[in-house]
Each structure stands twice: as structure tokens, then as C-alpha cells.
């Protein structure tokens, strides 16, 4: 038998073994991470290819790992018609340069250096992106309050299960005071998935309905609304009085209401227990001709015991201390962050509160907030 040529033998030996990740075989990770100067040079040379991937990875901060398939879907949605092979080659290069970490077929995540570069490179792209994502989520929701069916938007967090007692006390107070959206929440046990993230051991996944769900209800009733700003709203005797601070959605790269919470500006606990305090709220505008329909929806929600619409404006008048644009009227909505803000104010979530996850969930998966204590007790047992 004629011996196999040496060149072919060496190539065959270099092929990955069964079960070995292809990229790990052909693109081994560097022993030493590149310096900051090296990374700048890499981005100068490869920025057009790497920048969209960095942005896509950064825009899903709650996911521990993102697969190449998910990345490809996101890039295609942005107009980049790359093949899966092309993307995997780019990802392998980025891992080689220390911008991302590979975890086999489970997916990718930004390194510390990659996250810092992505934050810098995507600043202009992220300006106003919050508003665009809110509109996208609003269009995906299909919630029907009367039927109690459809997709709703939730703010989801991962919370240590050790906080169960405080969690129930504070959530019940906030919901009872009508400072949340609706009267239901999402509870996910450890090991299960919440909006693309696995709940780790010793934790639970918690989701509260956000104001985007109410905006989607308005849209489905023929009432288009535009998100203008997130605000810190002063409440007295259980009623909205005036805005203390506002951040426009189209002029920020951060979530306004999350910013208020992290800056320790809220007093949701006090508002829930005493009727006076500062809560997070969203200010939207609707066309003036839609005002009768808006008032009808607000009335229906109130009669159904579905809180969230805090106040509706009048034609030609400021709503609290905020003027609406010509031909429009304002509406103030509570946010799904108020229940979590109460826990933050107690100091229990310092260092534990991650970026909130926002996305649609089937309303039938949510439970009444008064059932939370019993469910958590069963989990603990």
C-alpha cells in the first residue's frame, strides 16, 4: 500500500476530535490578553466587522451567554446579511484578540476589555435606543385585560431566595397601594429560564408587569402613544402631585427609572406604607382625538382592579407640572420597577441587582401577588 503523504497526515491530525469545538481547535485563545493599545489598533483595523457584534452582545446584558445563532438573528434584523460561517470566523478572531470569551457551543460573552470598548463604540447608537426598544416590545405585546390573555411586557430580575420574607412584605405593600402595574407577577424557580437567563441556585426569578404592557393595550384600542420621559413622581396621600426629576427617553443611553433607583432617589416603600413618597413613572403623550378612548380604557382598568394608569391629562392643560405638545395630551403610567425599588431602598439588593431584563411573557404564567408568599414558602420547604 502506498503511504499517505506527510502533508495529508498532518492536516488530518489537526482536525478537531469528536465533541471538540471547531473554533477552539483552529483558533486557540492567546496565553496573554492584548493590551489596551493593542485592542485600539485591532478596532482601527477591524472595527467595521467587529462593531456590530460588540453592539449586539452589549444590548443583551442579562444573558450570560449568547449563541452564534441568536447573534446572527440580531444582525440580520439590523440589515447585515452575513452567513453563519462568516459570523463564526469573526467571533473566533474577536476571541483571539481578547474582546469576547468563548464557551464552546453554549455561546459567547464580552470580556471586561470588550465590554468597555463596546460601551464606548456604541454610545451614539444607544442614544435613544431605549425608546426604540420600548416601541418594539409594545408592538409584540397582545395583552387583553378583559380576557386575561396575551403577551405582556415584564421587568425581570434574579433575586436571592433568602430575601423571600422581605420580598413578600414589600411587594404586597406596593401592589396594595396601586403603585405597580396590574396585580400579578412572574415567579421562576432556580434552574429554570427567565427571559433567556437561567436562574442560579439560591435565587428566584421575579417579573413585574411594566408600563409598556399598558401602552400596548392602548395601541390595540386604537390609541397610539409616544413615550416622552421617565420621571421621579411625588405622591401625597396616595395621589400623584408633581414630578421631581425627569429624563427623556430619546436623550439618554440609560434606563431613566433604573437610574433613579440606583441613585437612591426613590422612596417607594414610604409611598406604599404612608401614601407619601417618590416613585418611578412614565410620561406618555397621545393624540388629542384619542382622549375619549383613553379615558374609557382608564375607567375600564380602574373598574377591573387593574392599576397602572395614574393620571390622564386635559386638553390645553399641563399634566401636573408638565406641558404636553400641541395637539396632544399627557398620561402618566406607573412602572414595573416600583416593587423592586422598595427592596433596593432597604439595602438588600446592593451589588445583587443586575440590569433588568425586559421582554414579553404569556400573561397566564403570572400569579396573583397575594399568592407569592405561599409559593415561596413551598419552595423553601
Protein backbone atom coordinates (compact mmCIF):
# COMPACT_ATOMS: atom_id res chain seq x y z
CA UNK A 1 0.00 0.00 0.00
CA UNK A 2 1.29 3.41 -0.91
CA UNK A 3 1.99 5.51 2.22
CA UNK A 4 -0.23 8.56 2.74
CA UNK A 5 1.66 11.79 2.03
CA UNK A 6 3.00 13.52 5.16
CA UNK A 7 1.15 16.78 4.39
CA UNK A 8 -2.22 14.99 4.40
CA UNK A 9 -1.34 13.18 7.63
CA UNK A 10 -0.57 16.43 9.43
CA UNK A 11 -3.79 18.02 8.23
CA UNK A 12 -5.87 15.06 9.36
CA UNK A 13 -4.21 15.10 12.77
CA UNK A 14 -5.06 18.79 13.14
CA UNK A 15 -8.81 18.24 12.68
CA UNK A 16 -10.85 18.61 15.87
CA UNK A 17 -11.79 15.44 17.66
CA UNK A 18 -15.41 14.43 18.03
CA UNK A 19 -17.16 16.72 20.51
CA UNK A 20 -14.38 19.32 20.36
CA UNK A 21 -15.43 22.86 19.48
CA UNK A 22 -14.23 23.75 15.96
CA UNK A 23 -13.18 27.28 16.87
CA UNK A 24 -11.18 26.14 19.90
CA UNK A 25 -9.27 23.79 17.61
CA UNK A 26 -8.45 26.20 14.79
CA UNK A 27 -8.31 29.49 16.77
CA UNK A 28 -6.67 28.77 20.15
CA UNK A 29 -7.03 31.55 22.70
CA UNK A 30 -3.95 33.70 23.39
CA UNK A 31 -1.97 32.91 26.52
CA UNK A 32 -1.75 36.64 27.34
CA UNK A 33 -4.57 39.12 26.80
CA UNK A 34 -3.74 42.02 24.44
CA UNK A 35 -3.03 45.42 25.97
CA UNK A 36 -5.42 48.37 25.67
CA UNK A 37 -3.22 49.86 22.94
CA UNK A 38 -3.32 46.57 21.04
CA UNK A 39 -7.10 46.50 21.23
CA UNK A 40 -7.34 50.05 19.89
CA UNK A 41 -5.19 49.00 16.95
CA UNK A 42 -7.38 45.94 16.39
CA UNK A 43 -10.53 48.08 16.33
CA UNK A 44 -8.92 50.54 13.90
CA UNK A 45 -8.28 47.65 11.54
CA UNK A 46 -11.38 45.52 12.07
CA UNK A 47 -13.93 47.97 13.50
CA UNK A 48 -16.42 47.68 10.64
CA UNK A 49 -16.68 43.92 11.20
CA UNK A 50 -16.43 43.82 15.00
CA UNK A 51 -18.54 46.85 15.96
CA UNK A 52 -21.97 45.33 15.07
CA UNK A 53 -21.10 42.18 17.02
CA UNK A 54 -19.94 44.15 20.05
CA UNK A 55 -23.17 46.15 19.97
CA UNK A 56 -25.30 43.01 19.68
CA UNK A 57 -23.56 41.41 22.65
CA UNK A 58 -23.89 44.54 24.76
CA UNK A 59 -27.58 45.01 24.01
CA UNK A 60 -28.44 41.77 25.83
CA UNK A 61 -26.61 42.27 29.15
CA UNK A 62 -28.84 39.92 31.14
CA UNK A 63 -27.90 36.87 29.08
CA UNK A 64 -24.84 35.15 30.50
CA UNK A 65 -24.02 33.57 27.13
CA UNK A 66 -25.35 34.32 23.64
CA UNK A 67 -25.17 31.72 20.88
CA UNK A 68 -23.97 32.49 17.38
CA UNK A 69 -27.48 31.69 16.11
CA UNK A 70 -29.02 34.37 18.35
CA UNK A 71 -26.34 36.84 17.31
CA UNK A 72 -26.94 36.09 13.64
CA UNK A 73 -30.68 36.68 14.03
CA UNK A 74 -29.99 40.02 15.69
CA UNK A 75 -27.51 41.07 12.99
CA UNK A 76 -29.89 40.05 10.21
CA UNK A 77 -32.61 42.15 11.89
CA UNK A 78 -30.19 45.08 11.68
CA UNK A 79 -29.67 44.58 7.94
CA UNK A 80 -26.36 42.64 7.94
CA UNK A 81 -26.72 39.62 5.69
CA UNK A 82 -23.75 37.64 7.00
CA UNK A 83 -23.60 33.88 6.72
CA UNK A 84 -23.24 31.77 9.86
CA UNK A 85 -19.75 30.73 8.77
CA UNK A 86 -18.69 34.36 8.33
CA UNK A 87 -20.00 35.28 11.77
CA UNK A 88 -18.24 32.34 13.43
CA UNK A 89 -14.95 33.35 11.82
CA UNK A 90 -15.36 36.93 13.07
CA UNK A 91 -16.23 35.64 16.54
CA UNK A 92 -13.14 33.45 16.54
CA UNK A 93 -10.99 36.46 15.63
CA UNK A 94 -12.58 38.54 18.37
CA UNK A 95 -11.91 35.83 20.92
CA UNK A 96 -8.31 35.62 19.74
CA UNK A 97 -7.95 39.37 20.31
CA UNK A 98 -9.44 39.16 23.78
CA UNK A 99 -12.70 41.01 23.04
CA UNK A 100 -15.00 38.09 23.85
CA UNK A 101 -14.87 34.79 25.70
CA UNK A 102 -15.96 31.54 24.03
CA UNK A 103 -17.76 28.81 25.91
CA UNK A 104 -17.94 26.15 23.23
CA UNK A 105 -21.34 25.72 21.64
CA UNK A 106 -23.02 27.31 24.67
CA UNK A 107 -22.20 30.77 23.39
CA UNK A 108 -20.15 33.93 23.88
CA UNK A 109 -19.87 36.87 26.24
CA UNK A 110 -17.88 40.10 26.31
CA UNK A 111 -14.63 40.18 28.24
CA UNK A 112 -14.06 43.07 30.61
CA UNK A 113 -11.98 44.82 27.95
CA UNK A 114 -14.52 44.02 25.25
CA UNK A 115 -17.39 45.37 27.37
CA UNK A 116 -15.54 48.65 27.94
CA UNK A 117 -14.80 49.04 24.23
CA UNK A 118 -18.39 48.13 23.28
CA UNK A 119 -19.67 50.73 25.72
CA UNK A 120 -17.51 53.40 24.09
CA UNK A 121 -18.14 52.45 20.48
CA UNK A 122 -21.91 52.11 20.81
CA UNK A 123 -22.63 55.30 22.76
CA UNK A 124 -24.09 57.21 19.80
CA UNK A 125 -26.01 54.11 18.67
CA UNK A 126 -27.52 53.69 22.13
CA UNK A 127 -28.72 57.30 22.35
CA UNK A 128 -32.48 56.99 22.03
CA UNK A 129 -32.28 53.21 21.60
CA UNK A 130 -34.25 52.71 24.82
CA UNK A 131 -37.26 54.37 23.22
CA UNK A 132 -36.92 52.19 20.10
CA UNK A 133 -36.74 49.00 22.17
CA UNK A 134 -39.81 50.09 24.15
CA UNK A 135 -41.75 50.58 20.93
CA UNK A 136 -40.59 47.22 19.61
CA UNK A 137 -41.69 45.44 22.80
CA UNK A 138 -45.00 47.32 22.79
CA UNK A 139 -45.78 46.05 19.29
CA UNK A 140 -45.02 42.45 20.33
CA UNK A 141 -47.46 42.52 23.27
CA UNK A 142 -51.00 41.22 22.74
CA UNK A 143 -52.49 41.54 26.24
CA UNK A 144 -56.28 41.75 26.61
CA UNK A 145 -57.18 42.81 30.18
CA UNK A 146 -60.81 41.74 29.84
CA UNK A 147 -59.92 38.21 28.73
CA UNK A 148 -56.77 37.94 30.86
CA UNK A 149 -54.81 36.52 27.93
CA UNK A 150 -51.98 37.51 25.62
CA UNK A 151 -48.38 38.62 25.93
CA UNK A 152 -47.42 41.27 28.49
CA UNK A 153 -44.12 43.04 28.98
CA UNK A 154 -42.31 42.37 32.26
CA UNK A 155 -39.30 43.76 34.08
CA UNK A 156 -37.49 40.66 35.32
CA UNK A 157 -34.76 40.24 37.94
CA UNK A 158 -32.87 37.48 39.68
CA UNK A 159 -33.22 37.84 43.46
CA UNK A 160 -31.63 35.82 46.31
CA UNK A 161 -34.24 33.46 47.77
CA UNK A 162 -33.00 34.45 51.25
CA UNK A 163 -34.90 37.72 50.74
CA UNK A 164 -38.24 35.90 50.47
CA UNK A 165 -39.70 37.37 53.66
CA UNK A 166 -38.75 40.96 52.85
CA UNK A 167 -39.75 40.36 49.25
CA UNK A 168 -43.31 39.40 50.14
CA UNK A 169 -43.76 42.21 52.68
CA UNK A 170 -42.61 44.95 50.32
CA UNK A 171 -44.23 43.64 47.15
CA UNK A 172 -47.58 43.24 48.86
CA UNK A 173 -47.42 46.81 50.17
CA UNK A 174 -46.52 48.28 46.76
CA UNK A 175 -49.22 46.33 44.91
CA UNK A 176 -51.81 47.05 47.58
CA UNK A 177 -51.10 50.80 47.26
CA UNK A 178 -51.68 50.64 43.49
CA UNK A 179 -48.14 51.75 42.68
CA UNK A 180 -47.39 48.80 40.39
CA UNK A 181 -48.86 47.73 37.03
CA UNK A 182 -51.65 45.19 37.41
CA UNK A 183 -51.88 42.76 40.31
CA UNK A 184 -49.85 39.81 39.04
CA UNK A 185 -46.18 38.90 38.82
CA UNK A 186 -43.93 36.24 37.36
CA UNK A 187 -42.17 33.75 39.64
CA UNK A 188 -39.48 31.43 38.26
CA UNK A 189 -37.69 28.79 40.32
CA UNK A 190 -33.95 28.16 40.36
CA UNK A 191 -32.67 26.21 37.39
CA UNK A 192 -35.49 27.43 35.16
CA UNK A 193 -35.28 30.12 32.49
CA UNK A 194 -36.43 33.72 32.77
CA UNK A 195 -36.24 35.78 29.56
CA UNK A 196 -33.20 33.89 28.29
CA UNK A 197 -31.30 33.63 31.57
CA UNK A 198 -31.05 30.61 33.84
CA UNK A 199 -31.95 31.34 37.45
CA UNK A 200 -28.91 30.26 39.54
CA UNK A 201 -29.06 28.15 42.69
CA UNK A 202 -30.22 30.02 45.77
CA UNK A 203 -32.17 32.55 43.71
CA UNK A 204 -35.59 33.10 42.19
CA UNK A 205 -36.64 34.91 39.05
CA UNK A 206 -39.07 37.75 39.64
CA UNK A 207 -41.00 39.60 36.95
CA UNK A 208 -43.38 42.54 37.34
CA UNK A 209 -45.52 43.97 34.55
CA UNK A 210 -44.14 47.20 33.11
CA UNK A 211 -45.89 50.21 31.64
CA UNK A 212 -45.10 49.02 28.10
CA UNK A 213 -47.87 46.45 28.58
CA UNK A 214 -50.36 49.24 29.26
CA UNK A 215 -49.09 51.16 26.23
CA UNK A 216 -49.73 48.06 24.12
CA UNK A 217 -53.30 47.89 25.45
CA UNK A 218 -53.80 51.49 24.35
CA UNK A 219 -52.35 50.72 20.93
CA UNK A 220 -54.67 47.76 20.44
CA UNK A 221 -57.60 50.04 21.27
CA UNK A 222 -56.55 52.48 18.55
CA UNK A 223 -54.72 54.87 20.90
CA UNK A 224 -51.14 55.45 19.74
CA UNK A 225 -48.85 56.79 22.46
CA UNK A 226 -45.33 58.13 22.48
CA UNK A 227 -43.00 57.62 25.45
CA UNK A 228 -41.58 61.03 26.38
CA UNK A 229 -39.69 60.58 29.65
CA UNK A 230 -39.22 58.52 32.76
CA UNK A 231 -39.72 60.54 35.92
CA UNK A 232 -39.44 60.62 39.68
CA UNK A 233 -43.03 61.29 40.73
CA UNK A 234 -44.00 62.71 44.11
CA UNK A 235 -47.08 61.04 45.61
CA UNK A 236 -49.03 62.55 48.53
CA UNK A 237 -51.99 60.90 50.25
CA UNK A 238 -51.75 58.22 47.58
CA UNK A 239 -52.24 60.68 44.71
CA UNK A 240 -49.69 61.97 42.14
CA UNK A 241 -48.68 65.57 42.87
CA UNK A 242 -45.71 66.65 40.75
CA UNK A 243 -42.55 65.41 39.07
CA UNK A 244 -39.30 65.90 40.94
CA UNK A 245 -36.88 64.78 38.20
CA UNK A 246 -37.24 63.67 34.57
CA UNK A 247 -35.00 62.02 31.94
CA UNK A 248 -36.14 61.96 28.32
CA UNK A 249 -36.09 58.56 26.66
CA UNK A 250 -34.71 59.99 23.40
CA UNK A 251 -31.79 61.74 25.13
CA UNK A 252 -30.23 59.04 27.29
CA UNK A 253 -28.29 55.79 26.98
CA UNK A 254 -29.53 54.57 30.38
CA UNK A 255 -32.91 53.45 31.68
CA UNK A 256 -34.26 56.61 33.38
CA UNK A 257 -36.23 54.85 36.11
CA UNK A 258 -33.46 52.36 36.84
CA UNK A 259 -31.14 55.37 37.19
CA UNK A 260 -33.41 56.96 39.81
CA UNK A 261 -33.46 53.72 41.79
CA UNK A 262 -29.71 53.18 41.71
CA UNK A 263 -29.15 56.82 42.69
CA UNK A 264 -31.25 56.25 45.84
CA UNK A 265 -33.72 58.96 44.83
CA UNK A 266 -36.90 56.91 45.27
CA UNK A 267 -38.96 56.39 48.42
CA UNK A 268 -41.40 53.78 47.12
CA UNK A 269 -41.56 51.97 50.48
CA UNK A 270 -42.68 55.14 52.24
CA UNK A 271 -45.21 55.86 49.49
CA UNK A 272 -46.61 52.33 49.80
CA UNK A 273 -46.87 52.37 53.60
CA UNK A 274 -47.80 56.02 54.27
CA UNK A 275 -49.15 57.32 50.95
CA UNK A 276 -46.37 59.88 50.57
CA UNK A 277 -43.09 59.37 48.73
CA UNK A 278 -41.29 59.39 45.39
CA UNK A 279 -42.00 56.62 42.86
CA UNK A 280 -40.93 55.93 39.28
CA UNK A 281 -43.37 56.76 36.49
CA UNK A 282 -43.52 57.01 32.72
CA UNK A 283 -44.95 60.03 30.90
CA UNK A 284 -46.55 59.40 27.50
CA UNK A 285 -48.44 61.55 25.05
CA UNK A 286 -51.44 60.56 22.92
CA UNK A 287 -53.15 62.47 20.08
CA UNK A 288 -55.94 64.72 21.31
CA UNK A 289 -58.66 62.95 19.24
CA UNK A 290 -57.84 59.72 21.14
CA UNK A 291 -58.60 61.29 24.54
CA UNK A 292 -62.18 59.89 24.88
CA UNK A 293 -60.94 56.38 24.14
CA UNK A 294 -58.04 56.85 26.57
CA UNK A 295 -60.43 57.88 29.35
CA UNK A 296 -62.60 54.85 28.61
CA UNK A 297 -59.62 52.48 28.90
CA UNK A 298 -58.54 54.15 32.16
CA UNK A 299 -62.06 53.71 33.55
CA UNK A 300 -62.19 50.07 32.50
CA UNK A 301 -58.82 49.36 34.13
CA UNK A 302 -59.92 51.06 37.36
CA UNK A 303 -63.20 49.10 37.48
CA UNK A 304 -61.35 45.85 36.78
CA UNK A 305 -58.92 46.47 39.64
CA UNK A 306 -56.03 46.76 37.20
CA UNK A 307 -53.84 49.68 38.40
CA UNK A 308 -51.15 51.36 36.36
CA UNK A 309 -52.75 54.39 34.70
CA UNK A 310 -52.10 57.03 37.37
CA UNK A 311 -53.48 60.16 35.72
CA UNK A 312 -54.82 61.40 32.38
CA UNK A 313 -54.39 64.99 31.22
CA UNK A 314 -56.88 67.53 29.87
CA UNK A 315 -56.79 69.44 26.57
CA UNK A 316 -54.78 72.63 26.79
CA UNK A 317 -53.61 71.99 30.36
CA UNK A 318 -50.36 70.82 31.89
CA UNK A 319 -50.47 67.37 33.44
CA UNK A 320 -49.15 68.01 36.94
CA UNK A 321 -46.26 70.33 36.10
CA UNK A 322 -45.57 69.06 32.58
CA UNK A 323 -46.95 70.64 29.37
CA UNK A 324 -47.89 68.34 26.50
CA UNK A 325 -47.06 69.15 22.88
CA UNK A 326 -49.67 70.89 20.74
CA UNK A 327 -52.44 68.54 19.67
CA UNK A 328 -51.54 66.01 22.33
CA UNK A 329 -52.48 65.15 25.89
CA UNK A 330 -50.36 63.52 28.57
CA UNK A 331 -50.88 60.29 30.50
CA UNK A 332 -48.84 59.11 33.49
CA UNK A 333 -48.22 55.39 33.99
CA UNK A 334 -46.70 53.56 36.95
CA UNK A 335 -43.68 51.40 36.16
CA UNK A 336 -42.90 47.78 36.93
CA UNK A 337 -39.72 48.88 38.70
CA UNK A 338 -41.55 50.26 41.74
CA UNK A 339 -41.86 46.87 43.52
CA UNK A 340 -38.14 46.20 43.09
CA UNK A 341 -37.27 49.77 44.11
CA UNK A 342 -38.76 49.04 47.53
CA UNK A 343 -36.25 46.21 48.03
CA UNK A 344 -33.40 48.36 46.78
CA UNK A 345 -34.29 51.05 49.31
CA UNK A 346 -33.93 48.53 52.14
CA UNK A 347 -30.34 47.90 51.05
CA UNK A 348 -30.90 44.20 50.39
CA UNK A 349 -30.01 44.35 46.71
CA UNK A 350 -26.73 46.26 46.87
CA UNK A 351 -24.43 44.54 44.39
CA UNK A 352 -27.09 41.94 43.58
CA UNK A 353 -29.49 43.89 41.42
CA UNK A 354 -28.40 43.22 37.86
CA UNK A 355 -29.55 45.08 34.78
CA UNK A 356 -33.29 44.47 34.42
CA UNK A 357 -34.48 42.11 31.72
CA UNK A 358 -37.41 43.40 29.68
CA UNK A 359 -39.46 41.23 27.38
CA UNK A 360 -42.85 39.67 26.62
CA UNK A 361 -44.34 36.85 28.71
CA UNK A 362 -47.65 34.99 28.46
CA UNK A 363 -49.98 36.61 31.00
CA UNK A 364 -51.24 33.18 32.07
CA UNK A 365 -47.80 32.43 33.53
CA UNK A 366 -48.19 35.27 36.04
CA UNK A 367 -49.61 34.65 39.52
CA UNK A 368 -51.63 36.98 41.80
CA UNK A 369 -49.24 38.88 44.06
CA UNK A 370 -51.10 37.60 47.13
CA UNK A 371 -50.13 34.03 46.15
CA UNK A 372 -46.40 34.82 46.21
CA UNK A 373 -45.88 34.18 49.94
CA UNK A 374 -47.42 30.71 49.82
CA UNK A 375 -45.48 29.80 46.67
CA UNK A 376 -42.17 30.88 48.20
CA UNK A 377 -42.97 29.01 51.42
CA UNK A 378 -43.50 25.82 49.41
CA UNK A 379 -40.21 26.39 47.60
CA UNK A 380 -38.36 26.84 50.89
CA UNK A 381 -39.93 23.67 52.27
